Amino acid sequence: MSALISSFGIDWHLLFAYIVNFLVLVGLLTWLLYKPVMKMVSERAAVVAKGVEDAQAAAVKLSEAESEAVARLKAAESEASGIVDTARQSANDTKAGILKEAESRAAQVASDAEARAKEAAAKALRESEKEIARLAMLAAAKVMQGKA
């Protein structure tokens, strides 16, 4: 085999030196370049993965916030509707009370006016009766004076 290697012109010492140089170069490149680059790639992959997880979490929170906003909006609408209905009912009750009070006052004013009118008529009748009685007395006095 030595003859075969010699016939190709291979020097064992030189081949061994090349192999050692190659292994030293591979070791240095691995230690100086490959490991730091792989570390940087893995860190970058972790940052990207974290970004994706954060984006997914933000999407979930956004959907939850939107559903909560819709629920609050529906609750506010129903509450507002209830308040409006209550206000309408209260306004109708107040209106009915005011109308009843106005009707009772109108009836009281009418009855007071009727009572005053009756009183005025009775007073006028009494005064008329007094005047008639006075005139009758005057007429009787004149008639008696004329006979005397």
N, C-alpha and C. Protein backbone atom coordinates (compact mmCIF):
# COMPACT_ATOMS: atom_id res chain seq x y z
N MET A 1 0.83 -1.15 0.00
CA MET A 1 0.00 0.00 0.00
C MET A 1 0.89 1.24 0.00
N SER A 2 1.98 1.16 0.63
CA SER A 2 2.93 2.24 0.66
C SER A 2 3.40 2.57 -0.74
N ALA A 3 3.53 1.56 -1.56
CA ALA A 3 3.95 1.79 -2.93
C ALA A 3 2.86 2.52 -3.69
N LEU A 4 1.65 2.17 -3.44
CA LEU A 4 0.53 2.83 -4.11
C LEU A 4 0.46 4.30 -3.71
N ILE A 5 0.62 4.59 -2.44
CA ILE A 5 0.56 5.97 -1.97
C ILE A 5 1.75 6.73 -2.53
N SER A 6 2.93 6.10 -2.59
CA SER A 6 4.11 6.76 -3.14
C SER A 6 3.93 7.01 -4.62
N SER A 7 3.28 6.09 -5.33
CA SER A 7 3.10 6.27 -6.75
C SER A 7 2.18 7.45 -7.04
N PHE A 8 1.27 7.73 -6.16
CA PHE A 8 0.39 8.90 -6.34
C PHE A 8 1.06 10.17 -5.84
N GLY A 9 2.11 10.11 -5.17
CA GLY A 9 2.88 11.25 -4.71
C GLY A 9 2.31 11.87 -3.45
N ILE A 10 1.79 11.05 -2.60
CA ILE A 10 1.21 11.54 -1.35
C ILE A 10 2.28 11.45 -0.27
N ASP A 11 2.47 12.57 0.44
CA ASP A 11 3.43 12.61 1.54
C ASP A 11 2.61 12.53 2.83
N TRP A 12 2.91 11.49 3.67
CA TRP A 12 2.16 11.27 4.90
C TRP A 12 2.31 12.43 5.86
N HIS A 13 3.42 12.99 5.95
CA HIS A 13 3.62 14.10 6.88
C HIS A 13 2.82 15.31 6.45
N LEU A 14 2.83 15.57 5.17
CA LEU A 14 2.09 16.71 4.65
C LEU A 14 0.58 16.48 4.76
N LEU A 15 0.11 15.25 4.47
CA LEU A 15 -1.31 14.90 4.58
C LEU A 15 -1.76 15.04 6.02
N PHE A 16 -0.95 14.58 6.96
CA PHE A 16 -1.27 14.70 8.37
C PHE A 16 -1.37 16.18 8.78
N ALA A 17 -0.48 17.02 8.29
CA ALA A 17 -0.49 18.45 8.60
C ALA A 17 -1.76 19.10 8.02
N TYR A 18 -2.14 18.69 6.81
CA TYR A 18 -3.37 19.22 6.21
C TYR A 18 -4.60 18.83 7.03
N ILE A 19 -4.61 17.58 7.48
CA ILE A 19 -5.75 17.11 8.28
C ILE A 19 -5.82 17.87 9.60
N VAL A 20 -4.69 18.05 10.25
CA VAL A 20 -4.66 18.79 11.51
C VAL A 20 -5.09 20.24 11.27
N ASN A 21 -4.58 20.88 10.23
CA ASN A 21 -4.99 22.26 9.91
C ASN A 21 -6.49 22.35 9.64
N PHE A 22 -7.02 21.36 8.91
CA PHE A 22 -8.45 21.36 8.60
C PHE A 22 -9.29 21.21 9.86
N LEU A 23 -8.86 20.30 10.75
CA LEU A 23 -9.61 20.09 11.99
C LEU A 23 -9.53 21.33 12.89
N VAL A 24 -8.36 21.99 12.93
CA VAL A 24 -8.24 23.22 13.72
C VAL A 24 -9.15 24.29 13.12
N LEU A 25 -9.16 24.41 11.81
CA LEU A 25 -10.02 25.41 11.15
C LEU A 25 -11.49 25.12 11.42
N VAL A 26 -11.92 23.86 11.33
CA VAL A 26 -13.30 23.49 11.61
C VAL A 26 -13.64 23.80 13.06
N GLY A 27 -12.76 23.48 13.96
CA GLY A 27 -12.99 23.75 15.39
C GLY A 27 -13.12 25.24 15.66
N LEU A 28 -12.18 26.02 15.08
CA LEU A 28 -12.25 27.47 15.28
C LEU A 28 -13.51 28.09 14.66
N LEU A 29 -13.84 27.68 13.45
CA LEU A 29 -15.05 28.20 12.82
C LEU A 29 -16.31 27.82 13.59
N THR A 30 -16.32 26.59 14.12
CA THR A 30 -17.47 26.16 14.92
C THR A 30 -17.57 27.01 16.18
N TRP A 31 -16.45 27.20 16.84
CA TRP A 31 -16.45 27.93 18.09
C TRP A 31 -16.69 29.42 17.88
N LEU A 32 -16.10 30.01 16.82
CA LEU A 32 -16.21 31.45 16.61
C LEU A 32 -17.43 31.86 15.79
N LEU A 33 -17.90 31.04 14.88
CA LEU A 33 -19.00 31.45 14.00
C LEU A 33 -20.28 30.63 14.19
N TYR A 34 -20.17 29.32 14.09
CA TYR A 34 -21.36 28.49 14.06
C TYR A 34 -22.18 28.60 15.34
N LYS A 35 -21.54 28.46 16.50
CA LYS A 35 -22.27 28.52 17.77
C LYS A 35 -22.90 29.90 18.00
N PRO A 36 -22.18 31.04 17.81
CA PRO A 36 -22.83 32.34 18.00
C PRO A 36 -23.97 32.59 17.00
N VAL A 37 -23.75 32.17 15.76
CA VAL A 37 -24.81 32.36 14.76
C VAL A 37 -26.02 31.51 15.13
N MET A 38 -25.83 30.27 15.53
CA MET A 38 -26.95 29.41 15.93
C MET A 38 -27.65 29.95 17.18
N LYS A 39 -26.84 30.51 18.10
CA LYS A 39 -27.44 31.11 19.30
C LYS A 39 -28.29 32.31 18.91
N MET A 40 -27.79 33.14 18.00
CA MET A 40 -28.54 34.32 17.55
C MET A 40 -29.81 33.89 16.81
N VAL A 41 -29.72 32.85 15.99
CA VAL A 41 -30.89 32.35 15.27
C VAL A 41 -31.93 31.81 16.24
N SER A 42 -31.49 31.08 17.25
CA SER A 42 -32.46 30.54 18.22
C SER A 42 -33.10 31.66 19.03
N GLU A 43 -32.30 32.69 19.40
CA GLU A 43 -32.88 33.83 20.11
C GLU A 43 -33.89 34.55 19.24
N ARG A 44 -33.54 34.73 17.99
CA ARG A 44 -34.47 35.41 17.06
C ARG A 44 -35.73 34.58 16.88
N ALA A 45 -35.60 33.27 16.79
CA ALA A 45 -36.76 32.39 16.67
C ALA A 45 -37.64 32.51 17.92
N ALA A 46 -36.99 32.61 19.10
CA ALA A 46 -37.75 32.76 20.35
C ALA A 46 -38.49 34.09 20.36
N VAL A 47 -37.83 35.17 19.87
CA VAL A 47 -38.48 36.48 19.81
C VAL A 47 -39.67 36.44 18.86
N VAL A 48 -39.49 35.80 17.71
CA VAL A 48 -40.59 35.70 16.74
C VAL A 48 -41.73 34.87 17.32
N ALA A 49 -41.40 33.76 17.98
CA ALA A 49 -42.44 32.93 18.59
C ALA A 49 -43.18 33.70 19.67
N LYS A 50 -42.43 34.48 20.47
CA LYS A 50 -43.07 35.30 21.50
C LYS A 50 -43.98 36.34 20.87
N GLY A 51 -43.51 36.93 19.75
CA GLY A 51 -44.35 37.91 19.05
C GLY A 51 -45.63 37.29 18.53
N VAL A 52 -45.54 36.08 18.00
CA VAL A 52 -46.72 35.38 17.51
C VAL A 52 -47.68 35.07 18.66
N GLU A 53 -47.12 34.60 19.79
CA GLU A 53 -47.96 34.32 20.96
C GLU A 53 -48.64 35.59 21.47
N ASP A 54 -47.87 36.69 21.50
CA ASP A 54 -48.44 37.96 21.96
C ASP A 54 -49.54 38.43 21.01
N ALA A 55 -49.33 38.25 19.72
CA ALA A 55 -50.35 38.65 18.74
C ALA A 55 -51.61 37.82 18.91
N GLN A 56 -51.43 36.52 19.15
CA GLN A 56 -52.60 35.66 19.37
C GLN A 56 -53.32 36.05 20.66
N ALA A 57 -52.56 36.33 21.71
CA ALA A 57 -53.18 36.75 22.98
C ALA A 57 -53.90 38.08 22.80
N ALA A 58 -53.30 38.98 22.03
CA ALA A 58 -53.95 40.28 21.79
C ALA A 58 -55.23 40.09 20.98
N ALA A 59 -55.21 39.17 20.02
CA ALA A 59 -56.42 38.91 19.24
C ALA A 59 -57.52 38.33 20.13
N VAL A 60 -57.14 37.45 21.04
CA VAL A 60 -58.13 36.88 21.97
C VAL A 60 -58.69 37.97 22.87
N LYS A 61 -57.79 38.82 23.40
CA LYS A 61 -58.26 39.91 24.27
C LYS A 61 -59.15 40.88 23.51
N LEU A 62 -58.80 41.14 22.25
CA LEU A 62 -59.61 42.04 21.43
C LEU A 62 -61.00 41.46 21.21
N SER A 63 -61.07 40.18 20.91
CA SER A 63 -62.39 39.56 20.71
C SER A 63 -63.19 39.56 22.01
N GLU A 64 -62.51 39.33 23.14
CA GLU A 64 -63.21 39.38 24.44
C GLU A 64 -63.70 40.79 24.72
N ALA A 65 -62.85 41.78 24.43
CA ALA A 65 -63.25 43.17 24.67
C ALA A 65 -64.41 43.56 23.77
N GLU A 66 -64.39 43.10 22.52
CA GLU A 66 -65.49 43.42 21.63
C GLU A 66 -66.78 42.77 22.11
N SER A 67 -66.71 41.52 22.55
CA SER A 67 -67.92 40.86 23.04
C SER A 67 -68.42 41.53 24.32
N GLU A 68 -67.49 41.94 25.18
CA GLU A 68 -67.89 42.65 26.40
C GLU A 68 -68.52 43.99 26.07
N ALA A 69 -67.95 44.67 25.07
CA ALA A 69 -68.52 45.96 24.66
C ALA A 69 -69.93 45.78 24.11
N VAL A 70 -70.12 44.72 23.31
CA VAL A 70 -71.46 44.45 22.77
C VAL A 70 -72.43 44.13 23.90
N ALA A 71 -71.97 43.34 24.87
CA ALA A 71 -72.84 42.99 26.00
C ALA A 71 -73.19 44.23 26.81
N ARG A 72 -72.19 45.09 27.06
CA ARG A 72 -72.47 46.32 27.81
C ARG A 72 -73.41 47.23 27.04
N LEU A 73 -73.23 47.29 25.73
CA LEU A 73 -74.10 48.13 24.91
C LEU A 73 -75.53 47.63 24.96
N LYS A 74 -75.70 46.31 24.88
CA LYS A 74 -77.05 45.75 24.97
C LYS A 74 -77.67 46.04 26.33
N ALA A 75 -76.86 45.88 27.40
CA ALA A 75 -77.36 46.15 28.75
C ALA A 75 -77.74 47.62 28.89
N ALA A 76 -76.91 48.51 28.35
CA ALA A 76 -77.20 49.94 28.42
C ALA A 76 -78.46 50.28 27.64
N GLU A 77 -78.63 49.65 26.47
CA GLU A 77 -79.83 49.90 25.68
C GLU A 77 -81.08 49.43 26.42
N SER A 78 -81.01 48.24 27.02
CA SER A 78 -82.18 47.75 27.75
C SER A 78 -82.46 48.61 28.97
N GLU A 79 -81.40 49.06 29.66
CA GLU A 79 -81.58 49.94 30.81
C GLU A 79 -82.18 51.27 30.38
N ALA A 80 -81.69 51.81 29.27
CA ALA A 80 -82.23 53.07 28.76
C ALA A 80 -83.69 52.90 28.37
N SER A 81 -84.01 51.78 27.75
CA SER A 81 -85.40 51.51 27.38
C SER A 81 -86.28 51.44 28.62
N GLY A 82 -85.78 50.77 29.66
CA GLY A 82 -86.54 50.70 30.92
C GLY A 82 -86.73 52.07 31.54
N ILE A 83 -85.69 52.88 31.51
CA ILE A 83 -85.79 54.24 32.07
C ILE A 83 -86.81 55.06 31.29
N VAL A 84 -86.77 54.94 29.95
CA VAL A 84 -87.72 55.69 29.12
C VAL A 84 -89.13 55.22 29.41
N ASP A 85 -89.33 53.91 29.51
CA ASP A 85 -90.67 53.39 29.81
C ASP A 85 -91.15 53.88 31.18
N THR A 86 -90.25 53.85 32.16
CA THR A 86 -90.60 54.34 33.50
C THR A 86 -90.95 55.82 33.47
N ALA A 87 -90.17 56.59 32.73
CA ALA A 87 -90.44 58.02 32.64
C ALA A 87 -91.77 58.28 31.95
N ARG A 88 -92.06 57.51 30.89
CA ARG A 88 -93.36 57.68 30.21
C ARG A 88 -94.51 57.34 31.15
N GLN A 89 -94.37 56.24 31.88
CA GLN A 89 -95.42 55.84 32.81
C GLN A 89 -95.60 56.90 33.89
N SER A 90 -94.49 57.40 34.40
CA SER A 90 -94.56 58.45 35.42
C SER A 90 -95.22 59.70 34.86
N ALA A 91 -94.86 60.06 33.63
CA ALA A 91 -95.48 61.24 33.00
C ALA A 91 -96.98 61.03 32.81
N ASN A 92 -97.36 59.83 32.39
CA ASN A 92 -98.79 59.55 32.22
C ASN A 92 -99.52 59.60 33.56
N ASP A 93 -98.90 59.06 34.61
CA ASP A 93 -99.52 59.10 35.94
C ASP A 93 -99.64 60.54 36.43
N THR A 94 -98.60 61.32 36.23
CA THR A 94 -98.62 62.73 36.63
C THR A 94 -99.69 63.48 35.85
N LYS A 95 -99.77 63.21 34.57
CA LYS A 95 -100.77 63.86 33.71
C LYS A 95 -102.18 63.52 34.21
N ALA A 96 -102.40 62.24 34.51
CA ALA A 96 -103.72 61.83 35.00
C ALA A 96 -104.03 62.52 36.33
N GLY A 97 -103.03 62.59 37.21
CA GLY A 97 -103.26 63.26 38.50
C GLY A 97 -103.57 64.74 38.31
N ILE A 98 -102.84 65.40 37.43
CA ILE A 98 -103.07 66.83 37.17
C ILE A 98 -104.45 67.03 36.57
N LEU A 99 -104.85 66.15 35.65
CA LEU A 99 -106.18 66.27 35.05
C LEU A 99 -107.28 66.08 36.09
N LYS A 100 -107.11 65.08 36.98
CA LYS A 100 -108.11 64.88 38.04
C LYS A 100 -108.19 66.09 38.95
N GLU A 101 -107.03 66.62 39.31
CA GLU A 101 -107.00 67.80 40.18
C GLU A 101 -107.66 69.00 39.50
N ALA A 102 -107.36 69.17 38.21
CA ALA A 102 -107.95 70.29 37.47
C ALA A 102 -109.46 70.12 37.36
N GLU A 103 -109.90 68.89 37.11
CA GLU A 103 -111.35 68.65 37.03
C GLU A 103 -112.02 68.92 38.37
N SER A 104 -111.38 68.47 39.47
CA SER A 104 -112.00 68.70 40.78
C SER A 104 -112.02 70.20 41.10
N ARG A 105 -110.94 70.91 40.74
CA ARG A 105 -110.94 72.36 40.96
C ARG A 105 -112.00 73.05 40.11
N ALA A 106 -112.11 72.59 38.86
CA ALA A 106 -113.13 73.19 37.99
C ALA A 106 -114.52 72.93 38.55
N ALA A 107 -114.75 71.72 39.05
CA ALA A 107 -116.05 71.40 39.63
C ALA A 107 -116.28 72.24 40.89
N GLN A 108 -115.23 72.42 41.69
CA GLN A 108 -115.35 73.24 42.90
C GLN A 108 -115.63 74.69 42.54
N VAL A 109 -114.93 75.20 41.53
CA VAL A 109 -115.15 76.58 41.10
C VAL A 109 -116.57 76.73 40.57
N ALA A 110 -117.03 75.74 39.80
CA ALA A 110 -118.40 75.80 39.27
C ALA A 110 -119.41 75.76 40.41
N SER A 111 -119.17 74.87 41.39
CA SER A 111 -120.13 74.79 42.50
C SER A 111 -120.08 76.08 43.33
N ASP A 112 -118.86 76.66 43.53
CA ASP A 112 -118.76 77.93 44.24
C ASP A 112 -119.49 79.04 43.48
N ALA A 113 -119.32 79.06 42.17
CA ALA A 113 -119.99 80.09 41.35
C ALA A 113 -121.50 79.91 41.41
N GLU A 114 -121.94 78.67 41.37
CA GLU A 114 -123.38 78.40 41.44
C GLU A 114 -123.93 78.82 42.80
N ALA A 115 -123.15 78.51 43.86
CA ALA A 115 -123.58 78.90 45.20
C ALA A 115 -123.64 80.41 45.32
N ARG A 116 -122.63 81.10 44.76
CA ARG A 116 -122.63 82.57 44.81
C ARG A 116 -123.81 83.14 44.01
N ALA A 117 -124.07 82.51 42.86
CA ALA A 117 -125.20 82.98 42.05
C ALA A 117 -126.51 82.79 42.81
N LYS A 118 -126.67 81.64 43.47
CA LYS A 118 -127.90 81.41 44.25
C LYS A 118 -127.99 82.40 45.40
N GLU A 119 -126.83 82.64 46.04
CA GLU A 119 -126.82 83.59 47.15
C GLU A 119 -127.15 85.00 46.65
N ALA A 120 -126.57 85.35 45.49
CA ALA A 120 -126.87 86.68 44.92
C ALA A 120 -128.34 86.77 44.54
N ALA A 121 -128.89 85.70 43.99
CA ALA A 121 -130.32 85.70 43.61
C ALA A 121 -131.19 85.80 44.86
N ALA A 122 -130.81 85.06 45.92
CA ALA A 122 -131.59 85.11 47.15
C ALA A 122 -131.49 86.49 47.78
N LYS A 123 -130.31 87.11 47.73
CA LYS A 123 -130.13 88.45 48.28
C LYS A 123 -130.97 89.46 47.49
N ALA A 124 -130.90 89.31 46.14
CA ALA A 124 -131.70 90.21 45.30
C ALA A 124 -133.18 90.02 45.59
N LEU A 125 -133.60 88.77 45.80
CA LEU A 125 -135.01 88.49 46.10
C LEU A 125 -135.39 89.11 47.44
N ARG A 126 -134.52 88.98 48.45
CA ARG A 126 -134.80 89.57 49.75
C ARG A 126 -134.89 91.09 49.65
N GLU A 127 -133.94 91.67 48.89
CA GLU A 127 -133.96 93.12 48.73
C GLU A 127 -135.21 93.56 47.97
N SER A 128 -135.59 92.76 46.97
CA SER A 128 -136.80 93.08 46.21
C SER A 128 -138.03 93.00 47.11
N GLU A 129 -138.04 91.97 47.96
CA GLU A 129 -139.17 91.82 48.87
C GLU A 129 -139.24 93.00 49.83
N LYS A 130 -138.07 93.43 50.33
CA LYS A 130 -138.05 94.58 51.23
C LYS A 130 -138.54 95.83 50.50
N GLU A 131 -138.05 95.99 49.27
CA GLU A 131 -138.44 97.18 48.49
C GLU A 131 -139.94 97.15 48.19
N ILE A 132 -140.42 95.97 47.84
CA ILE A 132 -141.86 95.85 47.55
C ILE A 132 -142.66 96.15 48.82
N ALA A 133 -142.19 95.62 49.97
CA ALA A 133 -142.88 95.85 51.24
C ALA A 133 -142.85 97.33 51.57
N ARG A 134 -141.71 98.00 51.34
CA ARG A 134 -141.60 99.42 51.60
C ARG A 134 -142.54 100.21 50.68
N LEU A 135 -142.53 99.83 49.39
CA LEU A 135 -143.39 100.53 48.44
C LEU A 135 -144.88 100.30 48.79
N ALA A 136 -145.16 99.09 49.23
CA ALA A 136 -146.55 98.79 49.60
C ALA A 136 -146.94 99.62 50.82
N MET A 137 -146.03 99.82 51.73
CA MET A 137 -146.31 100.64 52.90
C MET A 137 -146.50 102.09 52.50
N LEU A 138 -145.65 102.56 51.58
CA LEU A 138 -145.79 103.93 51.11
C LEU A 138 -147.15 104.12 50.40
N ALA A 139 -147.47 103.14 49.57
CA ALA A 139 -148.73 103.23 48.83
C ALA A 139 -149.89 103.19 49.82
N ALA A 140 -149.81 102.37 50.83
CA ALA A 140 -150.89 102.27 51.81
C ALA A 140 -150.99 103.56 52.60
N ALA A 141 -149.82 104.17 52.88
CA ALA A 141 -149.81 105.41 53.61
C ALA A 141 -150.43 106.50 52.77
N LYS A 142 -150.15 106.53 51.48
CA LYS A 142 -150.73 107.55 50.58
C LYS A 142 -152.24 107.34 50.47
N VAL A 143 -152.62 106.10 50.38
CA VAL A 143 -154.04 105.81 50.26
C VAL A 143 -154.72 106.23 51.56
N MET A 144 -154.11 106.02 52.66
CA MET A 144 -154.70 106.39 53.94
C MET A 144 -154.68 107.89 54.09
N GLN A 145 -153.71 108.54 53.57
CA GLN A 145 -153.64 109.98 53.64
C GLN A 145 -154.71 110.58 52.74
N GLY A 146 -154.91 109.94 51.65
CA GLY A 146 -155.92 110.46 50.70
C GLY A 146 -157.31 110.27 51.27
N LYS A 147 -157.61 109.36 52.09
CA LYS A 147 -158.92 109.14 52.66
C LYS A 147 -159.06 110.01 53.88
N ALA A 148 -158.10 110.41 54.42
CA ALA A 148 -158.23 111.18 55.62
C ALA A 148 -158.42 112.61 55.39
